[in-house]
Amino acid sequence: SSGINAEYGERRRYTSNKFWTPKDASPSSIIAELKTGKGRAHKVADYIPWVLPNKKKLEYLQDVIRQDKLAQRAEDRHGFESRTVLVKIHRKRLFEDGFQQLNTVPDQILKHNLKIMFVNELGLDEVGIDQDGVLKEFLEETIRYALNPSFGLFAVTEENHWLYPSPLSKIHFEHLELFHYIGRILAKAVYEGIVVDLSFAPFFIRQLLQNKNTLFSYFDELPSLDAELHKNLLFIKTYEGDVSDLGLTFSVDENEFGKVVTEELMPGGSYTAVTNTNKMSYIFQMAHFKMHTQIHKQTRAFTSGFRSIISDEWLRMFSFPELQMLVSGDSTPVDFSDLKKNVRYLGGYHGGHRVILWFWDITINEFTDQEKSSLLKFVTSCSRPPLMGFASLSPPFSIRAVDEEEECNEQTPGQALKSSFKSFLGLQAGSSSGTSRLPTASTCFNLLKLPVYRSKQNLRQKLKYAINAGAGFELS
């Protein structure tokens, strides 16, 4: 019964996560046994995963992925043929180029041996081919483009704006291949520890977890997709008269691109009337159709792509809220004290620099939780912190000093050395330095470019303006 209650608690939270963890359980010993392949630990993972805290599950997953990467590097070192694939992506055709070149690339190469090079508007190769940030930018931009409802692959629920596969995704001729591809890309982001700022509908993300749907009720979850339909079905359920008077059949009319298409809930459904005897079957079949049947092919393709990179074996102990957190990061307020402990300073900045001291005082002691999230999104493109803290953020959060001589995208070695020396000494190069410029960011490198401001007030004003206006290179 505890298993049933724990799984129900995933959908309707009525107690803390720690409630289901026995006080005498030793999560560390279970995880240790799980790594060695002992049967008892695997049974725990399969049948009572709620006894393990989410942090322990994350540590296990990170260790499994780390071992997977090490095994591939060892294979490369022992004389196997290098299989690294260099993919050139035109920025104007980022999604199309990625799909055409990576859709048929073997899973192992996508996981371990993928290098991205961007081609700019002039057709010239951009620098940074071996930087992790280039891959991060490619993955984030691909996911952002594909999951935008205007593209047509995904739709959003009315109330919470959760993402789920669009029933009308077939507007794209290769829509199932596209779902498989974006599933692989999202899994690659998870594999690399990159969190993306999005939220999937629970009824969809649950289907990514194999053998996790035994207690799932589509009717109970229907309000998250269509509250009006759920209300109408409740009316039918409690209707005291003769339901057949309503003239319903086991079918539903759908509007597909301006054309009404009738879908049957069961064979011969168009000719089967809904009565008091079979109305409960109608209610649950309608909910199942809306939340499963309509998007089954899309979900299967997406799941197949996701599991080709992230093994189902690795995820079997995760619940669907934990999987959502794995994809999109921690929903708790951003801990800037933790960020401060794991920041990297560049360009002459250091922990004792006056601008840095002002920066942390403002962000830790003055910023609201919303402003902290906005700043994090400004720099990393995601408003949520990594699940394992900022020590696990890759590339690490960095703050670099800039002055008026530095251009946003390019600086000569002499200028860089001069800028670093001035910043280290806390000097200003001219009247505009640190006064007129806004902070900017390179999200692909998790890099904040912070001018050497003359006053704390000016820093506060410019920083708040930048994160609230979404200022980037164009406002620098």
Protein backbone atom coordinates (compact mmCIF):
# COMPACT_ATOMS: atom_id res chain seq x y z
CA SER A 1 0.00 0.00 0.00
CA SER A 2 2.92 2.36 0.66
CA GLY A 3 3.95 1.98 -2.97
CA ILE A 4 0.49 2.98 -4.16
CA ASN A 5 0.45 5.97 -1.81
CA ALA A 6 3.95 7.02 -2.86
CA GLU A 7 3.06 6.89 -6.55
CA TYR A 8 -0.18 8.77 -5.94
CA GLY A 9 1.83 11.33 -4.02
CA GLU A 10 3.77 12.06 -7.21
CA ARG A 11 0.58 13.39 -8.78
CA ARG A 12 -1.14 14.88 -5.73
CA ARG A 13 1.50 16.05 -3.29
CA TYR A 14 0.19 15.68 0.26
CA THR A 15 3.37 14.95 2.22
CA SER A 16 7.08 15.65 2.04
CA ASN A 17 9.42 13.58 -0.13
CA LYS A 18 11.27 12.37 2.98
CA PHE A 19 8.10 10.73 4.33
CA TRP A 20 8.61 7.66 2.12
CA THR A 21 12.26 7.14 3.08
CA PRO A 22 12.55 4.68 6.02
CA LYS A 23 14.69 6.06 8.83
CA ASP A 24 16.68 2.82 9.04
CA ALA A 25 17.36 2.69 5.28
CA SER A 26 20.91 3.29 4.09
CA PRO A 27 20.66 4.94 0.66
CA SER A 28 24.45 4.99 0.27
CA SER A 29 24.73 1.24 0.73
CA ILE A 30 21.86 0.62 -1.70
CA ILE A 31 23.51 2.83 -4.33
CA ALA A 32 26.85 1.09 -3.75
CA GLU A 33 25.22 -2.30 -4.31
CA LEU A 34 23.41 -0.98 -7.36
CA LYS A 35 26.76 -0.03 -8.94
CA THR A 36 28.08 -3.56 -8.36
CA GLY A 37 25.00 -5.16 -9.89
CA LYS A 38 23.75 -7.01 -6.82
CA GLY A 39 20.20 -8.26 -7.17
CA ARG A 40 18.78 -6.84 -3.95
CA ALA A 41 19.66 -3.27 -4.89
CA HIS A 42 18.16 -3.66 -8.35
CA LYS A 43 14.90 -4.86 -6.79
CA VAL A 44 14.89 -1.75 -4.62
CA ALA A 45 15.35 0.42 -7.72
CA ASP A 46 12.58 -1.44 -9.57
CA TYR A 47 9.94 -1.82 -6.88
CA ILE A 48 10.52 0.67 -4.05
CA PRO A 49 12.60 3.52 -5.55
CA TRP A 50 10.96 6.08 -3.26
CA VAL A 51 13.15 4.91 -0.36
CA LEU A 52 16.08 6.62 -2.11
CA PRO A 53 16.41 10.41 -1.80
CA ASN A 54 16.47 12.26 -5.09
CA LYS A 55 20.00 13.53 -4.39
CA LYS A 56 21.30 9.96 -4.15
CA LYS A 57 19.59 9.06 -7.42
CA LEU A 58 21.20 12.05 -9.11
CA GLU A 59 24.62 11.14 -7.76
CA TYR A 60 24.14 7.61 -9.10
CA LEU A 61 23.11 8.90 -12.54
CA GLN A 62 26.06 11.30 -12.69
CA ASP A 63 28.42 8.47 -11.75
CA VAL A 64 26.94 6.15 -14.39
CA ILE A 65 27.32 8.83 -17.06
CA ARG A 66 30.87 9.60 -15.92
CA GLN A 67 31.79 5.91 -16.15
CA ASP A 68 30.19 5.71 -19.58
CA LYS A 69 32.34 8.62 -20.78
CA LEU A 70 35.50 7.12 -19.27
CA ALA A 71 34.82 3.78 -20.96
CA GLN A 72 34.53 5.52 -24.33
CA ARG A 73 37.79 7.43 -23.79
CA ALA A 74 39.56 4.22 -22.82
CA GLU A 75 38.28 2.60 -25.99
CA ASP A 76 39.64 5.49 -28.05
CA ARG A 77 43.04 5.29 -26.31
CA HIS A 78 43.39 1.57 -27.03
CA GLY A 79 43.72 2.08 -30.74
CA PHE A 80 40.16 2.03 -31.95
CA GLU A 81 39.47 4.20 -34.96
CA SER A 82 38.45 7.72 -34.05
CA ARG A 83 34.83 8.34 -34.88
CA THR A 84 34.60 12.04 -34.10
CA VAL A 85 32.14 13.84 -36.34
CA LEU A 86 32.50 17.55 -37.08
CA VAL A 87 29.19 19.18 -37.94
CA LYS A 88 29.08 22.64 -39.47
CA ILE A 89 25.91 24.52 -38.60
CA HIS A 90 24.80 27.71 -40.30
CA ARG A 91 23.24 29.96 -37.71
CA LYS A 92 20.37 30.92 -40.00
CA ARG A 93 19.59 27.22 -40.59
CA LEU A 94 20.52 25.87 -37.15
CA PHE A 95 17.64 23.43 -36.76
CA GLU A 96 17.54 22.31 -40.38
CA ASP A 97 21.31 21.76 -40.63
CA GLY A 98 21.37 19.89 -37.35
CA PHE A 99 18.51 17.58 -38.34
CA GLN A 100 19.91 16.81 -41.78
CA GLN A 101 23.40 16.01 -40.50
CA LEU A 102 22.72 14.40 -37.13
CA ASN A 103 19.49 12.49 -37.68
CA THR A 104 21.36 9.47 -39.04
CA VAL A 105 24.50 9.76 -36.89
CA PRO A 106 24.92 6.64 -34.68
CA ASP A 107 23.98 7.04 -31.04
CA GLN A 108 27.49 6.42 -29.70
CA ILE A 109 28.95 9.17 -31.86
CA LEU A 110 26.25 11.62 -30.81
CA LYS A 111 26.99 10.80 -27.16
CA HIS A 112 30.78 10.90 -27.24
CA ASN A 113 32.31 12.14 -30.48
CA LEU A 114 30.34 15.17 -31.63
CA LYS A 115 31.96 18.52 -32.43
CA ILE A 116 29.99 21.56 -33.51
CA MET A 117 31.27 24.48 -35.60
CA PHE A 118 29.02 27.44 -36.33
CA VAL A 119 29.12 29.23 -39.67
CA ASN A 120 28.22 32.92 -39.51
CA GLU A 121 26.10 34.99 -41.88
CA LEU A 122 29.12 35.67 -44.08
CA GLY A 123 29.76 31.96 -44.53
CA LEU A 124 32.88 32.04 -42.34
CA ASP A 125 33.70 29.47 -39.67
CA GLU A 126 33.38 30.81 -36.13
CA VAL A 127 36.05 30.22 -33.50
CA GLY A 128 35.48 27.99 -30.52
CA ILE A 129 35.19 24.59 -32.20
CA ASP A 130 36.50 22.68 -29.18
CA GLN A 131 34.71 24.70 -26.52
CA ASP A 132 31.95 22.99 -24.57
CA GLY A 133 29.96 26.20 -24.85
CA VAL A 134 29.47 25.78 -28.60
CA LEU A 135 27.81 22.40 -28.08
CA LYS A 136 25.74 23.86 -25.23
CA GLU A 137 24.52 26.69 -27.44
CA PHE A 138 23.64 24.31 -30.25
CA LEU A 139 21.66 21.99 -27.96
CA GLU A 140 19.82 24.84 -26.24
CA GLU A 141 18.91 26.64 -29.47
CA THR A 142 17.78 23.40 -31.12
CA ILE A 143 15.55 22.49 -28.18
CA ARG A 144 14.18 26.04 -27.93
CA TYR A 145 13.33 26.08 -31.64
CA ALA A 146 11.77 22.62 -31.83
CA LEU A 147 9.64 22.99 -28.69
CA ASN A 148 8.29 26.40 -29.63
CA PRO A 149 4.54 25.79 -30.20
CA SER A 150 4.63 27.99 -33.31
CA PHE A 151 6.86 25.37 -34.97
CA GLY A 152 4.05 22.84 -34.74
CA LEU A 153 5.68 19.83 -33.09
CA PHE A 154 4.56 20.68 -29.56
CA ALA A 155 1.53 22.36 -28.04
CA VAL A 156 0.96 23.85 -24.58
CA THR A 157 -1.78 23.23 -22.05
CA GLU A 158 -4.14 26.13 -21.49
CA GLU A 159 -3.69 26.70 -17.76
CA ASN A 160 -0.07 25.84 -16.94
CA HIS A 161 1.50 26.15 -20.40
CA TRP A 162 3.05 22.69 -20.11
CA LEU A 163 4.50 21.22 -23.28
CA TYR A 164 3.22 18.04 -24.92
CA PRO A 165 3.32 16.64 -28.47
CA SER A 166 0.84 18.35 -30.75
CA PRO A 167 -1.87 16.09 -32.21
CA LEU A 168 -1.47 18.17 -35.39
CA SER A 169 2.30 17.67 -35.68
CA LYS A 170 1.76 15.81 -38.95
CA ILE A 171 1.77 19.23 -40.59
CA HIS A 172 5.46 18.34 -40.86
CA PHE A 173 5.90 15.52 -43.36
CA GLU A 174 8.74 13.97 -41.30
CA HIS A 175 7.17 14.72 -37.92
CA LEU A 176 7.95 11.33 -36.35
CA GLU A 177 11.60 11.57 -37.41
CA LEU A 178 11.68 15.08 -35.96
CA PHE A 179 10.32 13.80 -32.64
CA HIS A 180 12.94 11.06 -32.57
CA TYR A 181 15.65 13.63 -33.32
CA ILE A 182 14.58 16.13 -30.66
CA GLY A 183 14.32 13.26 -28.17
CA ARG A 184 17.98 12.47 -28.84
CA ILE A 185 18.98 16.13 -28.57
CA LEU A 186 17.20 16.58 -25.23
CA ALA A 187 18.80 13.38 -23.92
CA LYS A 188 22.21 14.64 -25.07
CA ALA A 189 21.61 17.79 -23.01
CA VAL A 190 20.79 15.63 -19.96
CA TYR A 191 23.88 13.49 -20.68
CA GLU A 192 26.05 16.63 -20.66
CA GLY A 193 24.41 18.05 -17.53
CA ILE A 194 22.78 20.93 -19.39
CA VAL A 195 19.41 22.03 -17.99
CA VAL A 196 16.85 23.72 -20.23
CA ASP A 197 14.15 26.15 -19.17
CA LEU A 198 10.98 24.25 -20.06
CA SER A 199 8.22 22.22 -18.41
CA PHE A 200 6.61 19.14 -19.90
CA ALA A 201 3.04 18.10 -19.14
CA PRO A 202 3.06 15.37 -16.46
CA PHE A 203 0.90 13.06 -18.58
CA PHE A 204 3.55 13.23 -21.31
CA ILE A 205 6.74 12.98 -19.27
CA ARG A 206 5.39 9.97 -17.37
CA GLN A 207 5.41 8.05 -20.63
CA LEU A 208 9.18 8.51 -20.90
CA LEU A 209 9.48 6.21 -17.89
CA GLN A 210 8.96 2.57 -18.75
CA ASN A 211 6.65 0.53 -16.49
CA LYS A 212 5.74 3.61 -14.47
CA ASN A 213 2.14 4.09 -15.59
CA THR A 214 0.29 1.31 -13.78
CA LEU A 215 -1.59 3.67 -11.47
CA PHE A 216 -1.89 6.60 -13.85
CA SER A 217 -5.42 7.82 -14.55
CA TYR A 218 -5.86 9.84 -17.72
CA PHE A 219 -9.25 11.02 -16.51
CA ASP A 220 -7.77 12.39 -13.26
CA GLU A 221 -5.09 14.26 -15.22
CA LEU A 222 -7.43 15.52 -17.98
CA PRO A 223 -7.98 18.95 -16.35
CA SER A 224 -4.31 19.75 -16.97
CA LEU A 225 -4.99 19.41 -20.70
CA ASP A 226 -8.64 20.35 -21.20
CA ALA A 227 -10.55 21.56 -18.14
CA GLU A 228 -13.73 22.15 -20.14
CA LEU A 229 -13.81 18.59 -21.47
CA HIS A 230 -13.18 17.23 -17.97
CA LYS A 231 -16.11 19.31 -16.70
CA ASN A 232 -18.38 17.94 -19.44
CA LEU A 233 -17.37 14.36 -18.75
CA LEU A 234 -18.07 14.87 -15.04
CA PHE A 235 -21.52 16.12 -16.02
CA ILE A 236 -22.13 12.90 -17.97
CA LYS A 237 -20.84 10.82 -15.06
CA THR A 238 -23.24 12.41 -12.58
CA TYR A 239 -26.17 12.89 -14.99
CA GLU A 240 -29.28 11.47 -13.33
CA GLY A 241 -31.40 11.25 -16.47
CA ASP A 242 -31.10 9.01 -19.52
CA VAL A 243 -27.64 9.70 -21.03
CA SER A 244 -28.77 8.40 -24.42
CA ASP A 245 -30.95 11.53 -24.68
CA LEU A 246 -27.72 13.52 -25.11
CA GLY A 247 -27.16 11.91 -28.51
CA LEU A 248 -23.53 10.95 -27.89
CA THR A 249 -21.58 8.18 -29.60
CA PHE A 250 -18.17 6.61 -28.98
CA SER A 251 -16.54 9.07 -31.35
CA VAL A 252 -15.12 12.58 -31.33
CA ASP A 253 -14.98 15.26 -34.01
CA GLU A 254 -11.59 16.95 -34.40
CA ASN A 255 -10.73 20.08 -36.36
CA GLU A 256 -7.65 19.34 -38.46
CA PHE A 257 -6.51 22.38 -40.41
CA GLY A 258 -10.07 23.58 -41.02
CA LYS A 259 -11.50 20.14 -41.82
CA VAL A 260 -13.71 18.19 -39.39
CA VAL A 261 -12.43 14.65 -38.93
CA THR A 262 -14.35 12.04 -36.93
CA GLU A 263 -12.25 9.73 -34.77
CA GLU A 264 -13.73 6.58 -33.25
CA LEU A 265 -12.92 5.72 -29.64
CA MET A 266 -13.42 2.03 -30.48
CA PRO A 267 -14.24 0.00 -33.58
CA GLY A 268 -17.72 0.98 -34.72
CA GLY A 269 -17.76 3.83 -32.22
CA SER A 270 -19.62 6.18 -34.55
CA TYR A 271 -22.59 3.82 -34.42
CA THR A 272 -22.41 2.98 -30.71
CA ALA A 273 -24.60 5.21 -28.53
CA VAL A 274 -23.50 6.31 -25.07
CA THR A 275 -25.98 5.00 -22.48
CA ASN A 276 -26.25 4.84 -18.72
CA THR A 277 -24.77 1.37 -18.90
CA ASN A 278 -21.61 2.23 -20.85
CA LYS A 279 -21.09 5.90 -19.94
CA MET A 280 -18.15 5.15 -17.62
CA SER A 281 -16.40 3.33 -20.46
CA TYR A 282 -17.05 6.35 -22.72
CA ILE A 283 -15.64 8.78 -20.15
CA PHE A 284 -12.38 6.89 -19.69
CA GLN A 285 -11.98 6.13 -23.40
CA MET A 286 -12.42 9.81 -24.22
CA ALA A 287 -9.77 10.80 -21.67
CA HIS A 288 -7.44 8.07 -22.96
CA PHE A 289 -7.94 9.26 -26.54
CA LYS A 290 -7.18 12.89 -25.71
CA MET A 291 -4.10 12.25 -23.58
CA HIS A 292 -2.64 9.11 -25.13
CA THR A 293 -4.07 7.88 -28.45
CA GLN A 294 -3.81 11.24 -30.22
CA ILE A 295 -0.13 11.61 -29.40
CA HIS A 296 0.93 7.97 -29.09
CA LYS A 297 3.07 7.87 -32.25
CA GLN A 298 4.74 11.17 -31.45
CA THR A 299 5.44 10.11 -27.86
CA ARG A 300 6.83 6.75 -28.96
CA ALA A 301 9.20 8.41 -31.45
CA PHE A 302 10.35 11.00 -28.90
CA THR A 303 10.85 8.34 -26.22
CA SER A 304 12.78 6.11 -28.61
CA GLY A 305 15.17 8.97 -29.37
CA PHE A 306 15.56 9.90 -25.72
CA ARG A 307 16.32 6.34 -24.61
CA SER A 308 18.87 5.87 -27.37
CA ILE A 309 21.12 8.27 -25.42
CA ILE A 310 19.87 7.95 -21.84
CA SER A 311 19.30 4.28 -21.09
CA ASP A 312 16.02 3.37 -19.46
CA GLU A 313 18.13 1.36 -17.02
CA TRP A 314 19.61 4.63 -15.77
CA LEU A 315 16.21 6.22 -15.15
CA ARG A 316 14.20 3.35 -13.74
CA MET A 317 14.33 4.64 -10.13
CA PHE A 318 13.24 8.20 -11.05
CA SER A 319 9.68 9.42 -10.66
CA PHE A 320 8.21 11.72 -13.29
CA PRO A 321 8.64 14.90 -11.16
CA GLU A 322 12.28 13.91 -10.64
CA LEU A 323 12.72 13.39 -14.38
CA GLN A 324 11.23 16.82 -15.01
CA MET A 325 13.78 18.28 -12.58
CA LEU A 326 16.54 16.34 -14.31
CA VAL A 327 15.62 18.05 -17.58
CA SER A 328 14.86 21.57 -16.37
CA GLY A 329 16.80 21.96 -13.13
CA ASP A 330 15.88 22.65 -9.52
CA SER A 331 12.69 24.61 -8.84
CA THR A 332 13.98 25.92 -5.49
CA PRO A 333 15.17 29.56 -5.18
CA VAL A 334 18.62 30.23 -6.61
CA ASP A 335 21.32 30.00 -3.92
CA PHE A 336 23.75 32.79 -4.81
CA SER A 337 25.95 31.89 -1.85
CA ASP A 338 26.58 28.55 -3.54
CA LEU A 339 27.14 30.34 -6.84
CA LYS A 340 29.72 32.61 -5.17
CA LYS A 341 31.67 29.56 -3.96
CA ASN A 342 31.87 28.13 -7.48
CA VAL A 343 32.38 31.19 -9.68
CA ARG A 344 35.41 31.73 -11.92
CA TYR A 345 36.88 35.23 -12.39
CA LEU A 346 38.48 36.37 -15.65
CA GLY A 347 39.94 39.49 -17.20
CA GLY A 348 41.52 40.80 -14.01
CA TYR A 349 38.60 40.33 -11.64
CA HIS A 350 39.20 38.50 -8.36
CA GLY A 351 37.30 37.83 -5.16
CA GLY A 352 38.58 41.01 -3.47
CA HIS A 353 37.92 43.39 -6.39
CA ARG A 354 35.59 46.19 -5.35
CA VAL A 355 33.19 45.58 -8.27
CA ILE A 356 32.97 41.90 -7.35
CA LEU A 357 32.35 42.75 -3.69
CA TRP A 358 29.54 45.09 -4.77
CA PHE A 359 28.16 42.46 -7.14
CA TRP A 360 27.78 39.79 -4.46
CA ASP A 361 26.39 42.22 -1.91
CA ILE A 362 23.72 43.33 -4.38
CA THR A 363 22.80 39.89 -5.69
CA ILE A 364 22.88 38.02 -2.35
CA ASN A 365 21.46 40.65 -0.01
CA GLU A 366 19.30 42.91 -2.20
CA PHE A 367 17.98 40.89 -5.15
CA THR A 368 14.58 39.21 -4.89
CA ASP A 369 14.24 35.54 -5.80
CA GLN A 370 12.77 36.60 -9.16
CA GLU A 371 15.72 38.89 -9.88
CA LYS A 372 18.16 36.13 -8.97
CA SER A 373 16.39 33.79 -11.39
CA SER A 374 16.42 36.48 -14.07
CA LEU A 375 20.15 37.04 -13.65
CA LEU A 376 20.82 33.31 -13.83
CA LYS A 377 18.78 33.07 -17.02
CA PHE A 378 20.56 36.11 -18.44
CA VAL A 379 23.92 34.39 -18.06
CA THR A 380 23.13 30.68 -18.55
CA SER A 381 19.84 30.82 -20.54
CA CYS A 382 18.10 28.84 -17.76
CA SER A 383 16.43 30.42 -14.74
CA ARG A 384 16.79 27.29 -12.61
CA PRO A 385 20.00 26.17 -10.89
CA PRO A 386 21.62 22.77 -11.53
CA LEU A 387 20.22 19.96 -9.38
CA MET A 388 23.60 19.20 -7.81
CA GLY A 389 24.49 22.82 -7.19
CA PHE A 390 26.69 25.23 -9.12
CA ALA A 391 29.76 23.05 -8.63
CA SER A 392 28.24 20.80 -11.32
CA LEU A 393 27.54 23.62 -13.80
CA SER A 394 29.47 23.16 -17.05
CA PRO A 395 30.99 25.41 -18.28
CA PRO A 396 31.38 27.02 -14.82
CA PHE A 397 29.69 30.34 -14.11
CA SER A 398 32.26 33.03 -14.94
CA ILE A 399 32.53 36.79 -14.52
CA ARG A 400 34.91 38.68 -16.80
CA ALA A 401 35.97 42.30 -16.55
CA VAL A 402 35.45 44.48 -19.64
CA ASP A 403 36.10 48.12 -20.39
CA GLU A 404 35.20 50.51 -23.20
CA GLU A 405 38.05 49.37 -25.42
CA GLU A 406 36.70 45.83 -25.62
CA GLU A 407 34.29 44.97 -28.37
CA CYS A 408 31.56 42.49 -27.57
CA ASN A 409 32.69 39.76 -29.92
CA GLU A 410 36.37 40.39 -30.47
CA GLN A 411 39.46 41.83 -28.74
CA THR A 412 43.11 41.81 -29.70
CA PRO A 413 45.65 40.08 -27.40
CA GLY A 414 47.17 43.46 -26.55
CA GLN A 415 43.78 44.90 -25.62
CA ALA A 416 42.96 41.84 -23.54
CA LEU A 417 46.22 42.14 -21.56
CA LYS A 418 45.70 45.86 -21.09
CA SER A 419 42.10 45.35 -19.97
CA SER A 420 43.07 42.61 -17.51
CA PHE A 421 45.85 44.74 -15.97
CA LYS A 422 43.59 47.77 -15.56
CA SER A 423 40.76 45.71 -14.10
CA PHE A 424 43.10 44.00 -11.64
CA LEU A 425 44.24 47.39 -10.37
CA GLY A 426 40.70 48.72 -10.37
CA LEU A 427 41.62 51.50 -12.83
CA GLN A 428 39.35 53.12 -15.36
CA ALA A 429 40.50 53.75 -18.90
CA GLY A 430 38.24 56.61 -19.77
CA SER A 431 35.09 58.51 -19.00
CA SER A 432 32.77 55.92 -20.51
CA SER A 433 34.30 52.92 -18.79
CA GLY A 434 31.88 51.26 -16.42
CA THR A 435 29.33 54.07 -16.71
CA SER A 436 27.47 53.78 -20.01
CA ARG A 437 27.92 50.11 -20.86
CA LEU A 438 25.49 47.45 -19.79
CA PRO A 439 26.51 44.01 -18.57
CA THR A 440 26.32 41.42 -21.35
CA ALA A 441 26.50 37.65 -21.42
CA SER A 442 27.67 34.73 -23.51
CA THR A 443 25.14 32.11 -22.51
CA CYS A 444 26.96 29.34 -24.36
CA PHE A 445 29.90 29.78 -21.94
CA ASN A 446 27.84 30.81 -18.86
CA LEU A 447 29.86 34.01 -18.95
CA LEU A 448 28.86 37.37 -17.49
CA LYS A 449 30.78 40.30 -19.01
CA LEU A 450 30.74 42.89 -16.26
CA PRO A 451 32.12 46.41 -16.89
CA VAL A 452 34.39 47.93 -14.23
CA TYR A 453 31.81 50.28 -12.74
CA ARG A 454 32.82 53.29 -10.69
CA SER A 455 30.05 53.05 -8.11
CA LYS A 456 27.87 50.43 -6.50
CA GLN A 457 24.78 52.42 -7.43
CA ASN A 458 25.72 52.39 -11.11
CA LEU A 459 26.40 48.64 -10.99
CA ARG A 460 23.01 48.00 -9.38
CA GLN A 461 21.18 50.16 -11.91
CA LYS A 462 22.89 48.70 -14.99
CA LEU A 463 22.62 45.11 -13.77
CA LYS A 464 18.92 45.36 -13.04
CA TYR A 465 18.25 47.06 -16.36
CA ALA A 466 20.16 44.41 -18.29
CA ILE A 467 18.47 41.38 -16.74
CA ASN A 468 14.97 42.88 -16.92
CA ALA A 469 15.37 44.14 -20.49
CA GLY A 470 17.04 40.94 -21.67
CA ALA A 471 20.01 42.98 -22.79
CA GLY A 472 22.59 41.08 -24.75
CA PHE A 473 25.24 41.94 -27.25
CA GLU A 474 22.89 44.24 -29.11
CA LEU A 475 22.55 46.63 -26.11
CA SER A 476 26.19 46.66 -25.10
